[in-house]
Amino acid sequence: MTADPRAALATFVAALERHLEASASRRGENDPTVVAAYQDLADAFDDYDDALLDAYGEVTPLEIYSGPFDDEDLDEDDDELDDHDDEDGDGGVYLGLDDSDYEETPAR
């Protein structure tokens, strides 16, 4: 049975809110409340992404981070945009549609 994308989205948003609340009241580096909220958020995201794919053949541009965290990840002096695993090899980041990607006047 395929999950309803709208219901999965509501669950995902609720998980984001719980994660925010847990993070804001965090008690220590490995607070079990934050860890549980993190895992619930990751699961809710996966469910939403799967429901979106099943219902509409679409996915989000997001992934669950599973690698080690490094202070370099927070380098605020880096003014260049990350290529976010530039899969199409054009060297750029998606910034919306170009003028050539849509018609100026709607088709009738």
PDB file of N, CA and C in Angstrom:
ATOM      1  N   MET A   1       0.833  -1.175   0.000  1.00  0.00           N
ATOM      2  CA  MET A   1       0.000   0.000   0.000  1.00  0.00           C
ATOM      3  C   MET A   1       0.885   1.248   0.000  1.00  0.00           C
ATOM      4  N   THR A   2       0.629   2.127  -0.928  1.00  0.00           N
ATOM      5  CA  THR A   2       1.403   3.356  -1.063  1.00  0.00           C
ATOM      6  C   THR A   2       0.886   4.409  -0.089  1.00  0.00           C
ATOM      7  N   ALA A   3       1.798   5.061   0.599  1.00  0.00           N
ATOM      8  CA  ALA A   3       1.419   6.115   1.541  1.00  0.00           C
ATOM      9  C   ALA A   3       0.984   7.362   0.781  1.00  0.00           C
ATOM     10  N   ASP A   4       0.056   8.096   1.372  1.00  0.00           N
ATOM     11  CA  ASP A   4      -0.400   9.364   0.816  1.00  0.00           C
ATOM     12  C   ASP A   4       0.693  10.407   1.026  1.00  0.00           C
ATOM     13  N   PRO A   5       1.170  11.062  -0.044  1.00  0.00           N
ATOM     14  CA  PRO A   5       2.238  12.050   0.105  1.00  0.00           C
ATOM     15  C   PRO A   5       1.870  13.199   1.053  1.00  0.00           C
ATOM     16  N   ARG A   6       0.596  13.594   1.065  1.00  0.00           N
ATOM     17  CA  ARG A   6       0.192  14.692   1.961  1.00  0.00           C
ATOM     18  C   ARG A   6       0.269  14.270   3.423  1.00  0.00           C
ATOM     19  N   ALA A   7      -0.142  13.042   3.713  1.00  0.00           N
ATOM     20  CA  ALA A   7      -0.038  12.544   5.082  1.00  0.00           C
ATOM     21  C   ALA A   7       1.431  12.377   5.479  1.00  0.00           C
ATOM     22  N   ALA A   8       2.234  11.875   4.542  1.00  0.00           N
ATOM     23  CA  ALA A   8       3.665  11.711   4.817  1.00  0.00           C
ATOM     24  C   ALA A   8       4.331  13.062   5.030  1.00  0.00           C
ATOM     25  N   LEU A   9       3.910  14.078   4.287  1.00  0.00           N
ATOM     26  CA  LEU A   9       4.452  15.422   4.461  1.00  0.00           C
ATOM     27  C   LEU A   9       4.083  15.976   5.833  1.00  0.00           C
ATOM     28  N   ALA A  10       2.848  15.770   6.260  1.00  0.00           N
ATOM     29  CA  ALA A  10       2.420  16.246   7.581  1.00  0.00           C
ATOM     30  C   ALA A  10       3.243  15.574   8.684  1.00  0.00           C
ATOM     31  N   THR A  11       3.495  14.284   8.534  1.00  0.00           N
ATOM     32  CA  THR A  11       4.324  13.564   9.507  1.00  0.00           C
ATOM     33  C   THR A  11       5.756  14.091   9.497  1.00  0.00           C
ATOM     34  N   PHE A  12       6.274  14.376   8.299  1.00  0.00           N
ATOM     35  CA  PHE A  12       7.631  14.916   8.156  1.00  0.00           C
ATOM     36  C   PHE A  12       7.746  16.286   8.829  1.00  0.00           C
ATOM     37  N   VAL A  13       6.774  17.156   8.598  1.00  0.00           N
ATOM     38  CA  VAL A  13       6.792  18.495   9.208  1.00  0.00           C
ATOM     39  C   VAL A  13       6.712  18.386  10.732  1.00  0.00           C
ATOM     40  N   ALA A  14       5.863  17.486  11.228  1.00  0.00           N
ATOM     41  CA  ALA A  14       5.765  17.284  12.678  1.00  0.00           C
ATOM     42  C   ALA A  14       7.096  16.783  13.240  1.00  0.00           C
ATOM     43  N   ALA A  15       7.781  15.914  12.502  1.00  0.00           N
ATOM     44  CA  ALA A  15       9.087  15.412  12.943  1.00  0.00           C
ATOM     45  C   ALA A  15      10.123  16.536  12.956  1.00  0.00           C
ATOM     46  N   LEU A  16      10.054  17.447  11.982  1.00  0.00           N
ATOM     47  CA  LEU A  16      10.946  18.606  11.984  1.00  0.00           C
ATOM     48  C   LEU A  16      10.719  19.458  13.233  1.00  0.00           C
ATOM     49  N   GLU A  17       9.454  19.668  13.579  1.00  0.00           N
ATOM     50  CA  GLU A  17       9.132  20.470  14.761  1.00  0.00           C
ATOM     51  C   GLU A  17       9.607  19.795  16.043  1.00  0.00           C
ATOM     52  N   ARG A  18       9.421  18.465  16.149  1.00  0.00           N
ATOM     53  CA  ARG A  18       9.900  17.739  17.333  1.00  0.00           C
ATOM     54  C   ARG A  18      11.428  17.804  17.427  1.00  0.00           C
ATOM     55  N   HIS A  19      12.103  17.700  16.285  1.00  0.00           N
ATOM     56  CA  HIS A  19      13.564  17.777  16.290  1.00  0.00           C
ATOM     57  C   HIS A  19      14.036  19.159  16.740  1.00  0.00           C
ATOM     58  N   LEU A  20      13.365  20.197  16.278  1.00  0.00           N
ATOM     59  CA  LEU A  20      13.703  21.557  16.697  1.00  0.00           C
ATOM     60  C   LEU A  20      13.528  21.713  18.204  1.00  0.00           C
ATOM     61  N   GLU A  21      12.415  21.262  18.729  1.00  0.00           N
ATOM     62  CA  GLU A  21      12.162  21.363  20.168  1.00  0.00           C
ATOM     63  C   GLU A  21      13.191  20.572  20.967  1.00  0.00           C
ATOM     64  N   ALA A  22      13.504  19.367  20.520  1.00  0.00           N
ATOM     65  CA  ALA A  22      14.497  18.543  21.219  1.00  0.00           C
ATOM     66  C   ALA A  22      15.870  19.198  21.175  1.00  0.00           C
ATOM     67  N   SER A  23      16.220  19.774  20.032  1.00  0.00           N
ATOM     68  CA  SER A  23      17.519  20.440  19.894  1.00  0.00           C
ATOM     69  C   SER A  23      17.598  21.678  20.773  1.00  0.00           C
ATOM     70  N   ALA A  24      16.512  22.411  20.870  1.00  0.00           N
ATOM     71  CA  ALA A  24      16.491  23.644  21.664  1.00  0.00           C
ATOM     72  C   ALA A  24      16.615  23.363  23.159  1.00  0.00           C
ATOM     73  N   SER A  25      16.174  22.175  23.594  1.00  0.00           N
ATOM     74  CA  SER A  25      16.256  21.843  25.025  1.00  0.00           C
ATOM     75  C   SER A  25      17.277  20.744  25.289  1.00  0.00           C
ATOM     76  N   ARG A  26      18.222  20.617  24.420  1.00  0.00           N
ATOM     77  CA  ARG A  26      19.260  19.583  24.486  1.00  0.00           C
ATOM     78  C   ARG A  26      20.023  19.625  25.807  1.00  0.00           C
ATOM     79  N   ARG A  27      20.252  18.427  26.383  1.00  0.00           N
ATOM     80  CA  ARG A  27      21.011  18.290  27.631  1.00  0.00           C
ATOM     81  C   ARG A  27      22.231  17.422  27.377  1.00  0.00           C
ATOM     82  N   GLY A  28      23.263  18.010  26.811  1.00  0.00           N
ATOM     83  CA  GLY A  28      24.491  17.275  26.558  1.00  0.00           C
ATOM     84  C   GLY A  28      24.652  16.887  25.107  1.00  0.00           C
ATOM     85  N   GLU A  29      25.870  16.416  24.816  1.00  0.00           N
ATOM     86  CA  GLU A  29      26.235  16.117  23.436  1.00  0.00           C
ATOM     87  C   GLU A  29      25.424  14.984  22.827  1.00  0.00           C
ATOM     88  N   ASN A  30      25.161  13.948  23.582  1.00  0.00           N
ATOM     89  CA  ASN A  30      24.424  12.792  23.063  1.00  0.00           C
ATOM     90  C   ASN A  30      23.083  12.636  23.766  1.00  0.00           C
ATOM     91  N   ASP A  31      22.344  13.712  23.866  1.00  0.00           N
ATOM     92  CA  ASP A  31      21.029  13.700  24.508  1.00  0.00           C
ATOM     93  C   ASP A  31      20.138  12.680  23.796  1.00  0.00           C
ATOM     94  N   PRO A  32      19.611  11.684  24.523  1.00  0.00           N
ATOM     95  CA  PRO A  32      18.804  10.654  23.878  1.00  0.00           C
ATOM     96  C   PRO A  32      17.521  11.199  23.234  1.00  0.00           C
ATOM     97  N   THR A  33      17.001  12.291  23.748  1.00  0.00           N
ATOM     98  CA  THR A  33      15.814  12.894  23.150  1.00  0.00           C
ATOM     99  C   THR A  33      16.126  13.442  21.763  1.00  0.00           C
ATOM    100  N   VAL A  34      17.291  14.083  21.633  1.00  0.00           N
ATOM    101  CA  VAL A  34      17.703  14.629  20.334  1.00  0.00           C
ATOM    102  C   VAL A  34      18.033  13.496  19.368  1.00  0.00           C
ATOM    103  N   VAL A  35      18.710  12.484  19.862  1.00  0.00           N
ATOM    104  CA  VAL A  35      19.055  11.336  19.018  1.00  0.00           C
ATOM    105  C   VAL A  35      17.787  10.668  18.487  1.00  0.00           C
ATOM    106  N   ALA A  36      16.797  10.473  19.342  1.00  0.00           N
ATOM    107  CA  ALA A  36      15.534   9.858  18.921  1.00  0.00           C
ATOM    108  C   ALA A  36      14.796  10.754  17.927  1.00  0.00           C
ATOM    109  N   ALA A  37      14.791  12.064  18.186  1.00  0.00           N
ATOM    110  CA  ALA A  37      14.124  13.002  17.266  1.00  0.00           C
ATOM    111  C   ALA A  37      14.829  13.013  15.918  1.00  0.00           C
ATOM    112  N   TYR A  38      16.154  12.915  15.925  1.00  0.00           N
ATOM    113  CA  TYR A  38      16.936  12.860  14.689  1.00  0.00           C
ATOM    114  C   TYR A  38      16.539  11.633  13.868  1.00  0.00           C
ATOM    115  N   GLN A  39      16.467  10.482  14.532  1.00  0.00           N
ATOM    116  CA  GLN A  39      16.124   9.248  13.821  1.00  0.00           C
ATOM    117  C   GLN A  39      14.689   9.292  13.306  1.00  0.00           C
ATOM    118  N   ASP A  40      13.766   9.816  14.133  1.00  0.00           N
ATOM    119  CA  ASP A  40      12.374   9.947  13.689  1.00  0.00           C
ATOM    120  C   ASP A  40      12.280  10.868  12.473  1.00  0.00           C
ATOM    121  N   LEU A  41      13.054  11.945  12.480  1.00  0.00           N
ATOM    122  CA  LEU A  41      13.068  12.886  11.358  1.00  0.00           C
ATOM    123  C   LEU A  41      13.596  12.208  10.096  1.00  0.00           C
ATOM    124  N   ALA A  42      14.681  11.459  10.234  1.00  0.00           N
ATOM    125  CA  ALA A  42      15.239  10.746   9.077  1.00  0.00           C
ATOM    126  C   ALA A  42      14.230   9.740   8.520  1.00  0.00           C
ATOM    127  N   ASP A  43      13.552   9.010   9.402  1.00  0.00           N
ATOM    128  CA  ASP A  43      12.554   8.035   8.953  1.00  0.00           C
ATOM    129  C   ASP A  43      11.372   8.726   8.277  1.00  0.00           C
ATOM    130  N   ALA A  44      10.904   9.838   8.850  1.00  0.00           N
ATOM    131  CA  ALA A  44       9.776  10.573   8.271  1.00  0.00           C
ATOM    132  C   ALA A  44      10.147  11.134   6.905  1.00  0.00           C
ATOM    133  N   PHE A  45      11.382  11.610   6.775  1.00  0.00           N
ATOM    134  CA  PHE A  45      11.828  12.105   5.476  1.00  0.00           C
ATOM    135  C   PHE A  45      11.833  10.984   4.444  1.00  0.00           C
ATOM    136  N   ASP A  46      12.394   9.837   4.804  1.00  0.00           N
ATOM    137  CA  ASP A  46      12.432   8.698   3.875  1.00  0.00           C
ATOM    138  C   ASP A  46      11.014   8.302   3.452  1.00  0.00           C
ATOM    139  N   ASP A  47      10.086   8.273   4.406  1.00  0.00           N
ATOM    140  CA  ASP A  47       8.700   7.920   4.090  1.00  0.00           C
ATOM    141  C   ASP A  47       8.085   8.937   3.128  1.00  0.00           C
ATOM    142  N   TYR A  48       8.341  10.231   3.368  1.00  0.00           N
ATOM    143  CA  TYR A  48       7.802  11.268   2.490  1.00  0.00           C
ATOM    144  C   TYR A  48       8.402  11.147   1.088  1.00  0.00           C
ATOM    145  N   ASP A  49       9.711  10.979   1.014  1.00  0.00           N
ATOM    146  CA  ASP A  49      10.378  10.880  -0.286  1.00  0.00           C
ATOM    147  C   ASP A  49       9.862   9.665  -1.067  1.00  0.00           C
ATOM    148  N   ASP A  50       9.679   8.548  -0.372  1.00  0.00           N
ATOM    149  CA  ASP A  50       9.148   7.342  -1.014  1.00  0.00           C
ATOM    150  C   ASP A  50       7.710   7.551  -1.494  1.00  0.00           C
ATOM    151  N   ALA A  51       6.882   8.194  -0.661  1.00  0.00           N
ATOM    152  CA  ALA A  51       5.485   8.441  -1.037  1.00  0.00           C
ATOM    153  C   ALA A  51       5.406   9.381  -2.236  1.00  0.00           C
ATOM    154  N   LEU A  52       6.261  10.385  -2.260  1.00  0.00           N
ATOM    155  CA  LEU A  52       6.306  11.320  -3.379  1.00  0.00           C
ATOM    156  C   LEU A  52       6.703  10.596  -4.664  1.00  0.00           C
ATOM    157  N   LEU A  53       7.685   9.718  -4.564  1.00  0.00           N
ATOM    158  CA  LEU A  53       8.131   8.945  -5.722  1.00  0.00           C
ATOM    159  C   LEU A  53       7.023   8.004  -6.218  1.00  0.00           C
ATOM    160  N   ASP A  54       6.402   7.307  -5.284  1.00  0.00           N
ATOM    161  CA  ASP A  54       5.350   6.360  -5.667  1.00  0.00           C
ATOM    162  C   ASP A  54       4.159   7.060  -6.309  1.00  0.00           C
ATOM    163  N   ALA A  55       3.761   8.200  -5.760  1.00  0.00           N
ATOM    164  CA  ALA A  55       2.554   8.875  -6.233  1.00  0.00           C
ATOM    165  C   ALA A  55       2.783   9.691  -7.500  1.00  0.00           C
ATOM    166  N   TYR A  56       3.938  10.369  -7.578  1.00  0.00           N
ATOM    167  CA  TYR A  56       4.142  11.329  -8.666  1.00  0.00           C
ATOM    168  C   TYR A  56       5.408  11.123  -9.478  1.00  0.00           C
ATOM    169  N   GLY A  57       6.212  10.143  -9.108  1.00  0.00           N
ATOM    170  CA  GLY A  57       7.461   9.927  -9.833  1.00  0.00           C
ATOM    171  C   GLY A  57       8.480  11.026  -9.582  1.00  0.00           C
ATOM    172  N   GLU A  58       8.354  11.718  -8.464  1.00  0.00           N
ATOM    173  CA  GLU A  58       9.263  12.813  -8.105  1.00  0.00           C
ATOM    174  C   GLU A  58       9.962  12.489  -6.798  1.00  0.00           C
ATOM    175  N   VAL A  59      11.098  13.135  -6.585  1.00  0.00           N
ATOM    176  CA  VAL A  59      11.834  13.023  -5.324  1.00  0.00           C
ATOM    177  C   VAL A  59      12.266  14.416  -4.893  1.00  0.00           C
ATOM    178  N   THR A  60      12.676  14.535  -3.656  1.00  0.00           N
ATOM    179  CA  THR A  60      13.207  15.801  -3.166  1.00  0.00           C
ATOM    180  C   THR A  60      14.688  15.889  -3.530  1.00  0.00           C
ATOM    181  N   PRO A  61      15.284  17.067  -3.453  1.00  0.00           N
ATOM    182  CA  PRO A  61      16.719  17.192  -3.724  1.00  0.00           C
ATOM    183  C   PRO A  61      17.561  16.940  -2.470  1.00  0.00           C
ATOM    184  N   LEU A  62      16.979  16.281  -1.472  1.00  0.00           N
ATOM    185  CA  LEU A  62      17.638  16.104  -0.180  1.00  0.00           C
ATOM    186  C   LEU A  62      18.069  14.664   0.030  1.00  0.00           C
ATOM    187  N   GLU A  63      19.066  14.491   0.888  1.00  0.00           N
ATOM    188  CA  GLU A  63      19.532  13.168   1.285  1.00  0.00           C
ATOM    189  C   GLU A  63      19.789  13.180   2.775  1.00  0.00           C
ATOM    190  N   ILE A  64      19.684  12.021   3.410  1.00  0.00           N
ATOM    191  CA  ILE A  64      20.016  11.888   4.823  1.00  0.00           C
ATOM    192  C   ILE A  64      21.531  11.810   4.934  1.00  0.00           C
ATOM    193  N   TYR A  65      22.108  12.706   5.718  1.00  0.00           N
ATOM    194  CA  TYR A  65      23.554  12.733   5.905  1.00  0.00           C
ATOM    195  C   TYR A  65      23.946  11.600   6.840  1.00  0.00           C
ATOM    196  N   SER A  66      24.896  10.802   6.419  1.00  0.00           N
ATOM    197  CA  SER A  66      25.305   9.675   7.248  1.00  0.00           C
ATOM    198  C   SER A  66      26.809   9.617   7.482  1.00  0.00           C
ATOM    199  N   GLY A  67      27.537  10.615   6.997  1.00  0.00           N
ATOM    200  CA  GLY A  67      28.989  10.620   7.161  1.00  0.00           C
ATOM    201  C   GLY A  67      29.410  11.304   8.446  1.00  0.00           C
ATOM    202  N   PRO A  68      30.702  11.327   8.698  1.00  0.00           N
ATOM    203  CA  PRO A  68      31.198  11.983   9.906  1.00  0.00           C
ATOM    204  C   PRO A  68      31.027  13.498   9.806  1.00  0.00           C
ATOM    205  N   PHE A  69      30.762  14.123  10.922  1.00  0.00           N
ATOM    206  CA  PHE A  69      30.617  15.576  10.967  1.00  0.00           C
ATOM    207  C   PHE A  69      31.977  16.183  11.270  1.00  0.00           C
ATOM    208  N   ASP A  70      32.296  17.268  10.587  1.00  0.00           N
ATOM    209  CA  ASP A  70      33.594  17.912  10.725  1.00  0.00           C
ATOM    210  C   ASP A  70      33.376  19.414  10.841  1.00  0.00           C
ATOM    211  N   ASP A  71      34.205  20.098  11.614  1.00  0.00           N
ATOM    212  CA  ASP A  71      34.095  21.548  11.734  1.00  0.00           C
ATOM    213  C   ASP A  71      34.233  22.230  10.378  1.00  0.00           C
ATOM    214  N   GLU A  72      34.923  21.595   9.434  1.00  0.00           N
ATOM    215  CA  GLU A  72      35.048  22.176   8.100  1.00  0.00           C
ATOM    216  C   GLU A  72      33.701  22.274   7.403  1.00  0.00           C
ATOM    217  N   ASP A  73      32.738  21.442   7.823  1.00  0.00           N
ATOM    218  CA  ASP A  73      31.396  21.514   7.253  1.00  0.00           C
ATOM    219  C   ASP A  73      30.723  22.842   7.569  1.00  0.00           C
ATOM    220  N   LEU A  74      31.202  23.525   8.598  1.00  0.00           N
ATOM    221  CA  LEU A  74      30.621  24.794   9.029  1.00  0.00           C
ATOM    222  C   LEU A  74      31.455  25.995   8.603  1.00  0.00           C
ATOM    223  N   ASP A  75      32.332  25.837   7.615  1.00  0.00           N
ATOM    224  CA  ASP A  75      33.206  26.913   7.167  1.00  0.00           C
ATOM    225  C   ASP A  75      32.382  28.026   6.537  1.00  0.00           C
ATOM    226  N   GLU A  76      32.199  29.123   7.289  1.00  0.00           N
ATOM    227  CA  GLU A  76      31.380  30.238   6.811  1.00  0.00           C
ATOM    228  C   GLU A  76      32.149  31.159   5.873  1.00  0.00           C
ATOM    229  N   ASP A  77      33.464  30.988   5.770  1.00  0.00           N
ATOM    230  CA  ASP A  77      34.260  31.842   4.898  1.00  0.00           C
ATOM    231  C   ASP A  77      34.211  31.396   3.447  1.00  0.00           C
ATOM    232  N   ASP A  78      33.637  30.236   3.210  1.00  0.00           N
ATOM    233  CA  ASP A  78      33.566  29.699   1.854  1.00  0.00           C
ATOM    234  C   ASP A  78      32.370  30.317   1.146  1.00  0.00           C
ATOM    235  N   ASP A  79      32.632  31.227   0.201  1.00  0.00           N
ATOM    236  CA  ASP A  79      31.561  31.930  -0.490  1.00  0.00           C
ATOM    237  C   ASP A  79      31.054  31.180  -1.711  1.00  0.00           C
ATOM    238  N   GLU A  80      31.721  30.095  -2.094  1.00  0.00           N
ATOM    239  CA  GLU A  80      31.294  29.353  -3.261  1.00  0.00           C
ATOM    240  C   GLU A  80      30.197  28.376  -2.874  1.00  0.00           C
ATOM    241  N   LEU A  81      29.262  28.154  -3.788  1.00  0.00           N
ATOM    242  CA  LEU A  81      28.207  27.185  -3.558  1.00  0.00           C
ATOM    243  C   LEU A  81      28.753  25.781  -3.757  1.00  0.00           C
ATOM    244  N   ASP A  82      28.285  24.865  -2.940  1.00  0.00           N
ATOM    245  CA  ASP A  82      28.643  23.459  -3.082  1.00  0.00           C
ATOM    246  C   ASP A  82      27.975  22.917  -4.338  1.00  0.00           C
ATOM    247  N   ASP A  83      28.653  22.011  -5.054  1.00  0.00           N
ATOM    248  CA  ASP A  83      28.057  21.468  -6.274  1.00  0.00           C
ATOM    249  C   ASP A  83      27.013  20.397  -5.981  1.00  0.00           C
ATOM    250  N   HIS A  84      26.852  19.972  -4.739  1.00  0.00           N
ATOM    251  CA  HIS A  84      25.845  19.002  -4.314  1.00  0.00           C
ATOM    252  C   HIS A  84      25.832  17.784  -5.226  1.00  0.00           C
ATOM    253  N   ASP A  85      26.991  17.168  -5.355  1.00  0.00           N
ATOM    254  CA  ASP A  85      27.119  15.971  -6.188  1.00  0.00           C
ATOM    255  C   ASP A  85      26.556  16.222  -7.574  1.00  0.00           C
ATOM    256  N   ASP A  86      27.152  17.128  -8.257  1.00  0.00           N
ATOM    257  CA  ASP A  86      26.744  17.597  -9.576  1.00  0.00           C
ATOM    258  C   ASP A  86      26.594  16.426 -10.534  1.00  0.00           C
ATOM    259  N   GLU A  87      25.423  15.779 -10.509  1.00  0.00           N
ATOM    260  CA  GLU A  87      25.202  14.553 -11.265  1.00  0.00           C
ATOM    261  C   GLU A  87      25.197  14.758 -12.770  1.00  0.00           C
ATOM    262  N   ASP A  88      24.746  15.911 -13.238  1.00  0.00           N
ATOM    263  CA  ASP A  88      24.706  16.103 -14.692  1.00  0.00           C
ATOM    264  C   ASP A  88      26.015  16.638 -15.247  1.00  0.00           C
ATOM    265  N   GLY A  89      26.977  16.953 -14.373  1.00  0.00           N
ATOM    266  CA  GLY A  89      28.309  17.327 -14.809  1.00  0.00           C
ATOM    267  C   GLY A  89      28.441  18.714 -15.398  1.00  0.00           C
ATOM    268  N   ASP A  90      27.425  19.564 -15.227  1.00  0.00           N
ATOM    269  CA  ASP A  90      27.533  20.896 -15.809  1.00  0.00           C
ATOM    270  C   ASP A  90      28.276  21.877 -14.906  1.00  0.00           C
ATOM    271  N   GLY A  91      28.655  21.423 -13.704  1.00  0.00           N
ATOM    272  CA  GLY A  91      29.460  22.248 -12.808  1.00  0.00           C
ATOM    273  C   GLY A  91      28.674  23.272 -12.028  1.00  0.00           C
ATOM    274  N   GLY A  92      27.367  23.285 -12.137  1.00  0.00           N
ATOM    275  CA  GLY A  92      26.585  24.307 -11.460  1.00  0.00           C
ATOM    276  C   GLY A  92      25.578  23.741 -10.493  1.00  0.00           C
ATOM    277  N   VAL A  93      24.947  24.648  -9.790  1.00  0.00           N
ATOM    278  CA  VAL A  93      23.903  24.316  -8.844  1.00  0.00           C
ATOM    279  C   VAL A  93      22.575  24.730  -9.456  1.00  0.00           C
ATOM    280  N   TYR A  94      21.531  23.943  -9.262  1.00  0.00           N
ATOM    281  CA  TYR A  94      20.224  24.279  -9.802  1.00  0.00           C
ATOM    282  C   TYR A  94      19.743  25.595  -9.206  1.00  0.00           C
ATOM    283  N   LEU A  95      19.475  26.566 -10.060  1.00  0.00           N
ATOM    284  CA  LEU A  95      19.015  27.872  -9.620  1.00  0.00           C
ATOM    285  C   LEU A  95      17.681  28.236 -10.248  1.00  0.00           C
ATOM    286  N   GLY A  96      16.948  27.272 -10.714  1.00  0.00           N
ATOM    287  CA  GLY A  96      15.658  27.531 -11.336  1.00  0.00           C
ATOM    288  C   GLY A  96      15.731  27.335 -12.836  1.00  0.00           C
ATOM    289  N   LEU A  97      14.632  27.623 -13.491  1.00  0.00           N
ATOM    290  CA  LEU A  97      14.565  27.440 -14.930  1.00  0.00           C
ATOM    291  C   LEU A  97      15.222  28.600 -15.668  1.00  0.00           C
ATOM    292  N   ASP A  98      15.874  28.289 -16.782  1.00  0.00           N
ATOM    293  CA  ASP A  98      16.388  29.313 -17.683  1.00  0.00           C
ATOM    294  C   ASP A  98      15.243  29.762 -18.572  1.00  0.00           C
ATOM    295  N   ASP A  99      15.406  30.913 -19.209  1.00  0.00           N
ATOM    296  CA  ASP A  99      14.382  31.409 -20.120  1.00  0.00           C
ATOM    297  C   ASP A  99      14.057  30.404 -21.213  1.00  0.00           C
ATOM    298  N   SER A 100      15.046  29.633 -21.632  1.00  0.00           N
ATOM    299  CA  SER A 100      14.830  28.670 -22.705  1.00  0.00           C
ATOM    300  C   SER A 100      14.055  27.442 -22.236  1.00  0.00           C
ATOM    301  N   ASP A 101      13.847  27.304 -20.921  1.00  0.00           N
ATOM    302  CA  ASP A 101      13.166  26.127 -20.382  1.00  0.00           C
ATOM    303  C   ASP A 101      11.648  26.254 -20.341  1.00  0.00           C
ATOM    304  N   TYR A 102      11.106  27.411 -20.663  1.00  0.00           N
ATOM    305  CA  TYR A 102       9.660  27.563 -20.659  1.00  0.00           C
ATOM    306  C   TYR A 102       9.234  28.531 -21.752  1.00  0.00           C
ATOM    307  N   GLU A 103       7.967  28.414 -22.145  1.00  0.00           N
ATOM    308  CA  GLU A 103       7.441  29.275 -23.191  1.00  0.00           C
ATOM    309  C   GLU A 103       6.982  30.592 -22.593  1.00  0.00           C
ATOM    310  N   GLU A 104       7.205  31.667 -23.331  1.00  0.00           N
ATOM    311  CA  GLU A 104       6.820  33.002 -22.872  1.00  0.00           C
ATOM    312  C   GLU A 104       5.310  33.132 -22.759  1.00  0.00           C
ATOM    313  N   THR A 105       4.581  32.635 -23.764  1.00  0.00           N
ATOM    314  CA  THR A 105       3.117  32.708 -23.740  1.00  0.00           C
ATOM    315  C   THR A 105       2.575  31.294 -23.597  1.00  0.00           C
ATOM    316  N   PRO A 106       1.521  31.144 -22.799  1.00  0.00           N
ATOM    317  CA  PRO A 106       0.972  29.794 -22.603  1.00  0.00           C
ATOM    318  C   PRO A 106       0.374  29.232 -23.885  1.00  0.00           C
ATOM    319  N   ALA A 107       0.536  27.936 -24.077  1.00  0.00           N
ATOM    320  CA  ALA A 107      -0.047  27.263 -25.245  1.00  0.00           C
ATOM    321  C   ALA A 107      -1.552  27.176 -25.070  1.00  0.00           C
ATOM    322  N   ARG A 108      -2.261  27.282 -26.158  1.00  0.00           N
ATOM    323  CA  ARG A 108      -3.739  27.213 -26.088  1.00  0.00           C
ATOM    324  C   ARG A 108      -4.253  26.032 -26.837  1.00  0.00           C
TER     325      ARG A 108
END
